[in-house]
Amino acid sequence: MSKIVVTEPFYLGRDDCGYCHGKKDERFANEYMKSILGPSESFTIGASIQFISTQDYDDFMNMGFRRSGDFLYKTDMLRNCCRYYTIRTNCRYLKVKKNHRQVINRFIAAISDNTSPTHNSNKNRKNKPFNLEDMMTAELNSKRFKTQFQPSTFTEEKYELYKKYQVKVHNDLPEDVSESQFKRFLCDSLFKEEEINGTDEEWDSLNSWVENAVNKKNPKAQRLGPTHECYYLDGKLIAFSVIDFLPSGVSSVYFVWDPDYAHLSLGTLSGLREILMVEKLSLDYYYLGYYIADCPKMVYKGQFGGELLDVCNETYYPLTEVEPYIKNSNLFVLGAKEQTQEFHLTSKYPQSVKTKENTIPLENIVDQIYNQQTFDNAQKTVDTLSKDVKLTDEFPPVVPGLIPVAQLQELIDSGNVEQITMGFYLRNSGKLIYKNFSEMNQSERSSFIICLRVFGFIKVSRIILVVL
């Protein structure tokens, strides 16, 4: 198995949330947040990744992580004022709505070789049943429109469109949209070099997906890695999609479109098109990033349907099923009242009760497992752990989705922690040293425990920690 090369994870808090900017009404604050934690803020758990496989990133993404360039991060779902839920969907969840039909029909009219918007064929479409796959046929027949998949590398053409988009759509200052910022955000990645570059066969197969789908041919090779798909109309770049091809599906990173073509609703179009592409490439899911239920910038993702990740159970549930639980910016953890809080907080491999033949009705038990007793018990465990490991105060004792401190104590007391060997790369000397727990000094033990808590028992044995 390939190694995962990382810098030590850190926990960073800030007063200003990038989405609600601290302006969320008091009614959005949960009662348990008010009584236990105080005011909401924005907290991120992150690490710089220097080397990772698409499979490992796929696994991390299904633990609630996302990437920005080569930075891997997730949020503290308990303390954040905005809840960032991982959302994914596919054609099974997609319910085509009226606005979807309008976007597709408008797109087909725009790429028609007859430039008249009142072309007879488009008029006749109104009398035919809508079929999402019609856009593939229209693409294949169009001489004006094409897309091209290519590595996630810098080009002046893509950068200029990105700058135009950021300034006109997101109101960024032109001087803030630099080439280096663009490269860092949308070109740099954390994957292996061979997955970044791909093969000629992979690119040929990917660039033929529409033709293969229309002609019912199977793709010759599966692309894995970071990718840009460029949209061209009459030879002009009008949009590009930044996506990661992963073993379980396609992850949407960012989408850039020309404001002059706002009438084509290219963001919605790309979502529908990529969901269809996932289906035709026989992949499982289309990952839309994070979903924030009460954020105007994020709620559009719900129109594609799908399911949300319960970060404590590492289990997905249909969006329609958990919508009542996430209203007013609430956190959800599904379980049964009969379950003890230890099931969610100290189980080595937490699984939803839903996997047990659906015999126990599930409900949101977040208030049951996150209460004052939980925090008091966790702090006592931290105090005990400090005898063996100097734990940093940076990470709170209780964070949803991280290995609980009680489980860390159990691993140390049982001796199971000695089964794990982690690598330390000393950048100054260029040395790579592997050590188990008993061989580590206090500083190394602290770093090891942080990695274990953030990345999990399975992954930590393949981690090489870069020591600055």
Protein backbone atom coordinates (compact mmCIF):
# COMPACT_ATOMS: atom_id res chain seq x y z
CA MET A 1 0.00 0.00 0.00
CA SER A 2 1.17 3.53 -0.76
CA LYS A 3 2.28 5.91 1.97
CA ILE A 4 0.53 9.09 3.04
CA VAL A 5 3.00 11.96 3.48
CA VAL A 6 1.64 14.78 5.65
CA THR A 7 2.57 17.60 7.97
CA GLU A 8 1.20 17.48 11.51
CA PRO A 9 -2.55 18.24 11.64
CA PHE A 10 -3.58 21.43 13.37
CA TYR A 11 -6.78 22.89 14.80
CA LEU A 12 -7.47 26.47 13.78
CA GLY A 13 -10.25 28.74 15.00
CA ARG A 14 -11.36 32.11 13.73
CA ASP A 15 -14.06 34.57 14.72
CA ASP A 16 -15.37 35.17 11.21
CA CYS A 17 -17.23 32.42 9.35
CA GLY A 18 -16.68 32.57 5.60
CA TYR A 19 -20.36 31.86 4.91
CA CYS A 20 -22.52 33.61 7.51
CA HIS A 21 -19.80 36.07 8.67
CA GLY A 22 -21.05 35.77 12.24
CA LYS A 23 -24.44 37.24 11.35
CA LYS A 24 -26.47 34.13 12.04
CA ASP A 25 -29.56 34.86 14.13
CA GLU A 26 -29.56 33.65 17.76
CA ARG A 27 -32.38 31.24 16.95
CA PHE A 28 -29.87 29.21 14.89
CA ALA A 29 -27.74 28.42 17.97
CA ASN A 30 -28.46 24.98 19.48
CA GLU A 31 -29.35 24.81 23.15
CA TYR A 32 -26.49 22.44 23.93
CA MET A 33 -24.10 24.82 22.19
CA LYS A 34 -25.30 27.73 24.32
CA SER A 35 -25.09 25.87 27.61
CA ILE A 36 -21.83 23.97 27.08
CA LEU A 37 -19.66 25.68 24.53
CA GLY A 38 -20.74 29.29 24.41
CA PRO A 39 -20.70 31.43 21.24
CA SER A 40 -20.30 29.74 17.87
CA GLU A 41 -17.17 30.28 15.82
CA SER A 42 -15.49 28.66 12.82
CA PHE A 43 -12.98 25.86 13.43
CA THR A 44 -10.94 23.84 10.93
CA ILE A 45 -8.90 20.67 11.32
CA GLY A 46 -6.31 20.58 8.55
CA ALA A 47 -2.98 19.32 7.28
CA SER A 48 -0.80 19.85 4.22
CA ILE A 49 -0.58 16.68 2.16
CA GLN A 50 2.53 16.06 0.11
CA PHE A 51 1.63 12.62 -1.21
CA ILE A 52 -1.60 10.60 -1.21
CA SER A 53 -3.41 8.16 -3.50
CA THR A 54 -6.87 8.78 -4.93
CA GLN A 55 -8.11 5.79 -2.92
CA ASP A 56 -6.90 7.26 0.36
CA TYR A 57 -8.39 10.65 -0.47
CA ASP A 58 -11.64 8.89 -1.38
CA ASP A 59 -11.62 7.28 2.07
CA PHE A 60 -10.86 10.58 3.80
CA MET A 61 -13.60 12.35 1.88
CA ASN A 62 -16.07 9.79 3.22
CA MET A 63 -14.85 10.69 6.72
CA GLY A 64 -15.86 14.32 6.13
CA PHE A 65 -12.59 15.72 4.72
CA ARG A 66 -12.21 17.83 1.58
CA ARG A 67 -9.21 19.27 -0.21
CA SER A 68 -8.29 22.78 -1.32
CA GLY A 69 -5.24 22.43 -3.53
CA ASP A 70 -2.93 20.22 -1.46
CA PHE A 71 -4.57 21.15 1.85
CA LEU A 72 -6.77 18.50 3.49
CA TYR A 73 -9.36 19.78 5.96
CA LYS A 74 -12.63 19.21 7.77
CA THR A 75 -14.59 21.39 10.16
CA ASP A 76 -15.52 20.95 13.80
CA MET A 77 -19.18 20.03 13.39
CA LEU A 78 -19.92 20.65 17.06
CA ARG A 79 -18.56 24.18 17.41
CA ASN A 80 -19.03 25.71 13.97
CA CYS A 81 -21.88 28.15 13.50
CA CYS A 82 -22.41 26.60 10.03
CA ARG A 83 -22.58 22.80 9.70
CA TYR A 84 -20.57 21.52 6.72
CA TYR A 85 -22.16 18.21 5.67
CA THR A 86 -20.53 16.07 2.99
CA ILE A 87 -23.15 15.56 0.26
CA ARG A 88 -23.17 13.09 -2.61
CA THR A 89 -25.74 12.03 -5.17
CA ASN A 90 -26.34 10.05 -8.37
CA CYS A 91 -29.04 9.51 -10.98
CA ARG A 92 -31.05 7.42 -8.53
CA TYR A 93 -31.45 10.43 -6.22
CA LEU A 94 -31.80 13.05 -8.94
CA LYS A 95 -35.36 14.23 -9.50
CA VAL A 96 -35.37 16.38 -12.63
CA LYS A 97 -37.24 19.62 -11.93
CA LYS A 98 -38.79 22.23 -14.20
CA ASN A 99 -35.76 24.54 -13.94
CA HIS A 100 -33.49 21.59 -14.86
CA ARG A 101 -35.52 21.00 -18.03
CA GLN A 102 -35.35 24.67 -18.88
CA VAL A 103 -31.56 24.74 -18.43
CA ILE A 104 -31.05 21.67 -20.62
CA ASN A 105 -33.39 22.94 -23.35
CA ARG A 106 -31.73 26.36 -23.33
CA PHE A 107 -28.30 24.72 -23.57
CA ILE A 108 -29.37 22.53 -26.51
CA ALA A 109 -30.73 25.59 -28.30
CA ALA A 110 -27.50 27.53 -27.64
CA ILE A 111 -25.22 24.87 -29.11
CA SER A 112 -27.42 24.16 -32.12
CA ASP A 113 -25.70 24.71 -35.45
CA ASN A 114 -28.66 26.87 -36.43
CA THR A 115 -28.03 30.09 -34.46
CA SER A 116 -31.71 31.03 -34.30
CA PRO A 117 -33.13 30.50 -30.79
CA THR A 118 -36.47 29.67 -32.39
CA HIS A 119 -35.12 26.78 -34.38
CA ASN A 120 -37.93 24.40 -35.33
CA SER A 121 -36.30 21.37 -33.72
CA ASN A 122 -36.28 23.15 -30.39
CA LYS A 123 -39.92 24.07 -30.80
CA ASN A 124 -40.77 20.45 -31.45
CA ARG A 125 -38.95 19.40 -28.26
CA LYS A 126 -41.78 20.88 -26.21
CA ASN A 127 -44.08 18.14 -27.44
CA LYS A 128 -41.67 15.30 -26.54
CA PRO A 129 -41.07 13.69 -23.13
CA PHE A 130 -38.00 15.21 -21.48
CA ASN A 131 -34.90 13.03 -21.43
CA LEU A 132 -31.74 14.17 -19.65
CA GLU A 133 -29.69 12.17 -22.13
CA ASP A 134 -30.81 14.43 -24.98
CA MET A 135 -28.01 16.82 -24.08
CA MET A 136 -25.46 14.11 -24.91
CA THR A 137 -26.91 13.68 -28.39
CA ALA A 138 -26.99 17.45 -28.86
CA GLU A 139 -23.33 17.71 -27.83
CA LEU A 140 -22.30 14.93 -30.16
CA ASN A 141 -24.09 16.54 -33.12
CA SER A 142 -22.98 20.11 -32.41
CA LYS A 143 -20.14 21.63 -34.41
CA ARG A 144 -20.13 24.71 -32.16
CA PHE A 145 -19.75 23.20 -28.70
CA LYS A 146 -17.21 20.80 -27.24
CA THR A 147 -15.52 20.02 -23.96
CA GLN A 148 -11.98 18.84 -23.39
CA PHE A 149 -10.61 17.01 -20.37
CA GLN A 150 -7.03 17.82 -19.48
CA PRO A 151 -4.65 17.68 -16.49
CA SER A 152 -5.19 20.28 -13.78
CA THR A 153 -2.38 22.49 -15.01
CA PHE A 154 -2.08 26.25 -15.40
CA THR A 155 -2.91 27.96 -18.68
CA GLU A 156 -3.25 31.67 -19.31
CA GLU A 157 -6.68 31.07 -20.84
CA LYS A 158 -8.05 29.36 -17.73
CA TYR A 159 -6.48 31.90 -15.39
CA GLU A 160 -7.98 34.89 -17.24
CA LEU A 161 -11.44 33.31 -17.13
CA TYR A 162 -11.01 32.52 -13.42
CA LYS A 163 -10.01 36.12 -12.70
CA LYS A 164 -13.00 37.46 -14.63
CA TYR A 165 -15.32 35.10 -12.76
CA GLN A 166 -13.95 35.91 -9.30
CA VAL A 167 -14.11 39.67 -9.86
CA LYS A 168 -17.56 39.84 -11.48
CA VAL A 169 -19.36 37.04 -9.66
CA HIS A 170 -17.66 36.96 -6.25
CA ASN A 171 -16.65 40.63 -6.11
CA ASP A 172 -12.96 39.89 -5.47
CA LEU A 173 -10.50 42.71 -5.99
CA PRO A 174 -8.50 42.18 -9.23
CA GLU A 175 -5.20 42.52 -7.38
CA ASP A 176 -6.21 39.68 -5.05
CA VAL A 177 -6.71 37.20 -7.90
CA SER A 178 -3.11 36.31 -8.70
CA GLU A 179 -1.64 33.54 -10.81
CA SER A 180 -0.07 31.98 -7.71
CA GLN A 181 -3.40 31.98 -5.89
CA PHE A 182 -5.09 30.35 -8.89
CA LYS A 183 -2.39 27.67 -9.14
CA ARG A 184 -2.52 26.96 -5.41
CA PHE A 185 -6.33 26.74 -5.35
CA LEU A 186 -7.24 24.95 -8.58
CA CYS A 187 -4.06 23.48 -10.08
CA ASP A 188 -2.03 22.12 -7.18
CA SER A 189 -3.12 18.78 -5.77
CA LEU A 190 -2.08 16.18 -3.24
CA PHE A 191 -2.06 13.10 -5.47
CA LYS A 192 0.62 10.78 -6.78
CA GLU A 193 2.43 12.02 -9.89
CA GLU A 194 1.17 9.21 -12.11
CA GLU A 195 -2.42 9.98 -11.08
CA ILE A 196 -1.92 13.69 -11.75
CA ASN A 197 -0.52 13.08 -15.24
CA GLY A 198 -2.72 10.18 -16.30
CA THR A 199 -2.16 8.11 -19.45
CA ASP A 200 -2.99 8.86 -23.09
CA GLU A 201 -5.52 6.03 -23.03
CA GLU A 202 -7.26 7.51 -19.97
CA TRP A 203 -7.54 10.96 -21.55
CA ASP A 204 -8.75 9.56 -24.89
CA SER A 205 -11.36 7.45 -23.13
CA LEU A 206 -12.54 10.36 -20.98
CA ASN A 207 -12.78 12.74 -23.93
CA SER A 208 -14.93 10.16 -25.72
CA TRP A 209 -17.39 9.55 -22.90
CA VAL A 210 -20.30 11.32 -24.62
CA GLU A 211 -19.73 9.48 -27.89
CA ASN A 212 -19.33 6.17 -26.06
CA ALA A 213 -22.50 6.77 -24.04
CA VAL A 214 -24.61 7.67 -27.08
CA ASN A 215 -23.26 4.66 -29.00
CA LYS A 216 -23.48 2.45 -25.89
CA LYS A 217 -19.77 1.60 -25.83
CA ASN A 218 -17.85 0.89 -22.65
CA PRO A 219 -14.93 3.19 -21.74
CA LYS A 220 -11.51 1.66 -22.43
CA ALA A 221 -9.78 3.12 -19.37
CA GLN A 222 -10.86 4.73 -16.11
CA ARG A 223 -9.35 8.08 -15.22
CA LEU A 224 -8.23 8.55 -11.60
CA GLY A 225 -6.89 11.90 -10.49
CA PRO A 226 -7.37 15.70 -10.62
CA THR A 227 -8.87 16.95 -13.86
CA HIS A 228 -10.03 20.12 -15.62
CA GLU A 229 -12.88 19.89 -18.11
CA CYS A 230 -12.92 22.94 -20.39
CA TYR A 231 -16.17 24.05 -22.09
CA TYR A 232 -15.77 25.70 -25.52
CA LEU A 233 -18.48 27.45 -27.53
CA ASP A 234 -17.50 28.68 -31.00
CA GLY A 235 -13.87 28.15 -30.04
CA LYS A 236 -14.08 30.31 -26.89
CA LEU A 237 -13.51 29.00 -23.37
CA ILE A 238 -16.76 29.77 -21.53
CA ALA A 239 -16.31 27.57 -18.44
CA PHE A 240 -14.17 24.92 -16.83
CA SER A 241 -14.89 22.35 -14.17
CA VAL A 242 -12.30 21.31 -11.58
CA ILE A 243 -13.03 17.71 -10.60
CA ASP A 244 -11.32 14.72 -9.02
CA PHE A 245 -11.91 11.27 -10.48
CA LEU A 246 -11.88 8.81 -7.56
CA PRO A 247 -12.55 5.08 -7.17
CA SER A 248 -16.07 5.70 -5.83
CA GLY A 249 -17.01 8.54 -8.17
CA VAL A 250 -16.39 12.12 -9.20
CA SER A 251 -15.75 14.91 -6.70
CA SER A 252 -16.58 18.46 -7.72
CA VAL A 253 -13.89 20.88 -6.51
CA TYR A 254 -14.89 24.15 -8.22
CA PHE A 255 -16.66 25.45 -11.31
CA VAL A 256 -15.72 28.62 -13.18
CA TRP A 257 -17.98 30.20 -15.83
CA ASP A 258 -17.93 33.31 -17.98
CA PRO A 259 -20.36 35.93 -16.60
CA ASP A 260 -21.20 36.87 -20.21
CA TYR A 261 -22.91 33.47 -20.47
CA ALA A 262 -24.90 33.67 -17.25
CA HIS A 263 -28.11 33.11 -19.22
CA LEU A 264 -27.04 29.49 -19.84
CA SER A 265 -26.98 28.64 -16.08
CA LEU A 266 -23.73 26.78 -16.63
CA GLY A 267 -23.33 25.88 -12.95
CA THR A 268 -26.62 23.97 -12.91
CA LEU A 269 -25.84 22.51 -16.33
CA SER A 270 -22.46 21.19 -15.17
CA GLY A 271 -24.04 19.54 -12.12
CA LEU A 272 -26.63 17.72 -14.23
CA ARG A 273 -24.06 16.82 -16.84
CA GLU A 274 -21.55 15.44 -14.33
CA ILE A 275 -24.22 13.39 -12.53
CA LEU A 276 -25.07 11.87 -15.90
CA MET A 277 -21.37 11.33 -16.65
CA VAL A 278 -20.97 9.41 -13.37
CA GLU A 279 -23.81 7.15 -14.45
CA LYS A 280 -22.41 6.54 -17.93
CA LEU A 281 -18.92 5.82 -16.61
CA SER A 282 -20.41 3.23 -14.20
CA LEU A 283 -19.24 5.15 -11.13
CA ASP A 284 -21.20 5.26 -7.90
CA TYR A 285 -21.46 8.85 -6.72
CA TYR A 286 -21.12 12.50 -7.60
CA TYR A 287 -19.70 14.42 -4.62
CA LEU A 288 -20.82 18.04 -4.47
CA GLY A 289 -18.53 19.13 -1.62
CA TYR A 290 -20.14 20.53 1.50
CA TYR A 291 -23.82 21.28 2.06
CA ILE A 292 -24.92 23.96 4.52
CA ALA A 293 -28.67 23.79 5.00
CA ASP A 294 -29.25 27.46 5.84
CA CYS A 295 -26.64 29.05 3.57
CA PRO A 296 -28.00 30.68 0.37
CA LYS A 297 -24.72 29.91 -1.44
CA MET A 298 -24.96 26.21 -0.61
CA VAL A 299 -28.63 25.21 -0.63
CA TYR A 300 -28.67 24.89 -4.44
CA LYS A 301 -26.86 21.57 -3.99
CA GLY A 302 -30.01 20.12 -2.48
CA GLN A 303 -31.81 20.47 -5.82
CA PHE A 304 -29.74 17.54 -7.10
CA GLY A 305 -30.97 15.26 -4.29
CA GLY A 306 -28.61 12.87 -2.57
CA GLU A 307 -27.47 11.92 0.90
CA LEU A 308 -25.56 13.52 3.78
CA LEU A 309 -22.73 12.06 5.87
CA ASP A 310 -23.30 11.42 9.55
CA VAL A 311 -19.70 12.13 10.52
CA CYS A 312 -19.89 10.27 13.84
CA ASN A 313 -21.17 7.03 12.33
CA GLU A 314 -19.43 7.53 8.97
CA THR A 315 -22.73 6.56 7.37
CA TYR A 316 -24.77 8.37 4.71
CA TYR A 317 -28.48 9.04 5.02
CA PRO A 318 -30.90 10.41 2.39
CA LEU A 319 -31.18 14.19 2.49
CA THR A 320 -34.97 13.93 2.70
CA GLU A 321 -34.63 11.74 5.80
CA VAL A 322 -32.33 14.05 7.77
CA GLU A 323 -33.71 17.44 6.65
CA PRO A 324 -35.85 17.80 9.80
CA TYR A 325 -32.75 17.26 11.96
CA ILE A 326 -30.51 19.85 10.29
CA LYS A 327 -32.94 22.78 10.30
CA ASN A 328 -31.80 25.89 12.14
CA SER A 329 -28.16 24.89 11.68
CA ASN A 330 -28.43 21.80 13.89
CA LEU A 331 -26.00 18.91 14.03
CA PHE A 332 -27.38 15.41 13.57
CA VAL A 333 -26.13 12.06 14.82
CA LEU A 334 -28.57 9.25 14.11
CA GLY A 335 -29.04 6.50 16.65
CA ALA A 336 -31.50 4.99 19.09
CA LYS A 337 -32.24 6.15 22.61
CA GLU A 338 -31.37 2.66 23.86
CA GLN A 339 -27.78 3.19 22.74
CA THR A 340 -25.25 4.44 25.24
CA GLN A 341 -23.17 7.48 24.44
CA GLU A 342 -20.11 5.22 24.50
CA PHE A 343 -21.36 3.57 21.29
CA HIS A 344 -20.81 6.80 19.40
CA LEU A 345 -17.91 8.20 21.37
CA THR A 346 -15.65 5.23 22.08
CA SER A 347 -16.48 2.48 19.59
CA LYS A 348 -13.42 1.54 17.55
CA TYR A 349 -15.45 1.03 14.40
CA PRO A 350 -18.73 2.93 14.81
CA GLN A 351 -21.59 1.62 12.71
CA SER A 352 -25.10 2.91 12.43
CA VAL A 353 -27.87 0.90 14.04
CA LYS A 354 -29.48 1.13 10.62
CA THR A 355 -27.19 -1.66 9.44
CA LYS A 356 -28.83 -4.02 11.94
CA GLU A 357 -31.87 -4.89 9.81
CA ASN A 358 -33.54 -1.54 10.49
CA THR A 359 -35.22 -2.96 13.58
CA ILE A 360 -34.55 0.03 15.82
CA PRO A 361 -36.07 3.38 14.85
CA LEU A 362 -33.42 6.06 14.47
CA GLU A 363 -33.60 9.63 15.67
CA ASN A 364 -31.26 12.54 16.28
CA ILE A 365 -29.49 11.75 19.56
CA VAL A 366 -27.00 14.61 19.47
CA ASP A 367 -28.20 16.09 22.78
CA GLN A 368 -27.96 12.65 24.36
CA ILE A 369 -24.30 12.09 23.46
CA TYR A 370 -22.99 15.66 23.69
CA ASN A 371 -23.74 16.90 27.19
CA GLN A 372 -21.84 18.16 30.20
CA GLN A 373 -21.02 14.64 31.38
CA THR A 374 -19.43 13.89 27.99
CA PHE A 375 -17.12 16.88 28.27
CA ASP A 376 -16.27 16.21 31.92
CA ASN A 377 -15.40 12.57 31.19
CA ALA A 378 -13.30 13.52 28.19
CA GLN A 379 -11.34 16.08 30.20
CA LYS A 380 -10.61 13.49 32.91
CA THR A 381 -9.31 11.13 30.21
CA VAL A 382 -7.09 13.87 28.80
CA ASP A 383 -5.64 14.46 32.26
CA THR A 384 -4.87 10.74 32.56
CA LEU A 385 -3.42 10.53 29.05
CA SER A 386 -1.08 13.40 29.81
CA LYS A 387 0.94 11.03 32.01
CA ASP A 388 2.00 9.10 28.91
CA VAL A 389 1.58 11.70 26.18
CA LYS A 390 1.89 15.45 26.26
CA LEU A 391 -1.37 16.32 24.54
CA THR A 392 -1.65 19.73 22.95
CA ASP A 393 -4.37 22.06 24.17
CA GLU A 394 -4.95 22.97 20.54
CA PHE A 395 -7.47 20.14 19.97
CA PRO A 396 -10.57 20.10 22.21
CA PRO A 397 -11.19 16.85 24.15
CA VAL A 398 -14.43 16.21 22.21
CA VAL A 399 -14.67 16.66 18.41
CA PRO A 400 -17.22 14.74 16.29
CA GLY A 401 -15.57 12.50 13.71
CA LEU A 402 -12.21 12.25 15.49
CA ILE A 403 -11.19 9.18 17.49
CA PRO A 404 -12.41 9.88 21.05
CA VAL A 405 -9.80 10.36 23.76
CA ALA A 406 -11.29 7.45 25.71
CA GLN A 407 -10.47 5.16 22.80
CA LEU A 408 -6.92 6.53 22.67
CA GLN A 409 -6.54 5.71 26.36
CA GLU A 410 -7.85 2.20 25.70
CA LEU A 411 -5.33 1.68 22.88
CA ILE A 412 -2.44 2.74 25.13
CA ASP A 413 -3.60 0.74 28.17
CA SER A 414 -4.17 -2.43 26.13
CA GLY A 415 -0.80 -2.17 24.39
CA ASN A 416 -2.48 -2.23 20.96
CA VAL A 417 -0.86 1.09 20.15
CA GLU A 418 2.48 -0.75 20.01
CA GLN A 419 1.26 -2.56 16.88
CA ILE A 420 1.39 0.70 14.93
CA THR A 421 4.62 1.99 13.43
CA MET A 422 4.69 5.51 12.01
CA GLY A 423 7.34 7.17 9.86
CA PHE A 424 9.01 10.48 10.68
CA TYR A 425 10.73 12.31 7.82
CA LEU A 426 13.32 14.75 9.16
CA ARG A 427 13.39 17.44 6.51
CA ASN A 428 16.64 19.07 7.68
CA SER A 429 18.66 15.85 7.48
CA GLY A 430 16.61 14.04 4.87
CA LYS A 431 16.31 10.98 7.12
CA LEU A 432 13.24 8.75 7.30
CA ILE A 433 12.84 6.92 10.61
CA TYR A 434 10.11 4.44 11.58
CA LYS A 435 9.21 4.08 15.24
CA ASN A 436 6.60 2.36 17.36
CA PHE A 437 5.08 4.03 20.40
CA SER A 438 7.63 2.85 22.97
CA GLU A 439 10.51 4.11 20.81
CA MET A 440 9.10 7.62 20.42
CA ASN A 441 10.12 10.56 22.56
CA GLN A 442 7.43 12.71 24.16
CA SER A 443 7.19 15.13 21.23
CA GLU A 444 6.91 12.28 18.73
CA ARG A 445 4.27 10.57 20.86
CA SER A 446 2.22 13.75 20.88
CA SER A 447 2.44 14.02 17.07
CA PHE A 448 1.59 10.35 16.71
CA ILE A 449 -1.52 10.66 18.90
CA ILE A 450 -2.72 13.71 16.95
CA CYS A 451 -2.33 11.81 13.66
CA LEU A 452 -4.04 8.76 15.14
CA ARG A 453 -6.94 10.83 16.41
CA VAL A 454 -7.43 12.77 13.15
CA PHE A 455 -6.70 10.13 10.50
CA GLY A 456 -7.81 6.97 12.28
CA PHE A 457 -6.36 3.64 13.36
CA ILE A 458 -6.19 2.14 9.86
CA LYS A 459 -4.52 5.05 8.06
CA VAL A 460 -1.96 6.09 10.67
CA SER A 461 0.21 3.02 10.08
CA ARG A 462 0.90 4.26 6.54
CA ILE A 463 1.59 7.87 7.47
CA ILE A 464 4.96 9.53 7.09
CA LEU A 465 4.98 12.71 9.15
CA VAL A 466 7.14 15.52 7.79
CA VAL A 467 9.02 17.05 10.72
CA LEU A 468 9.97 20.64 9.94
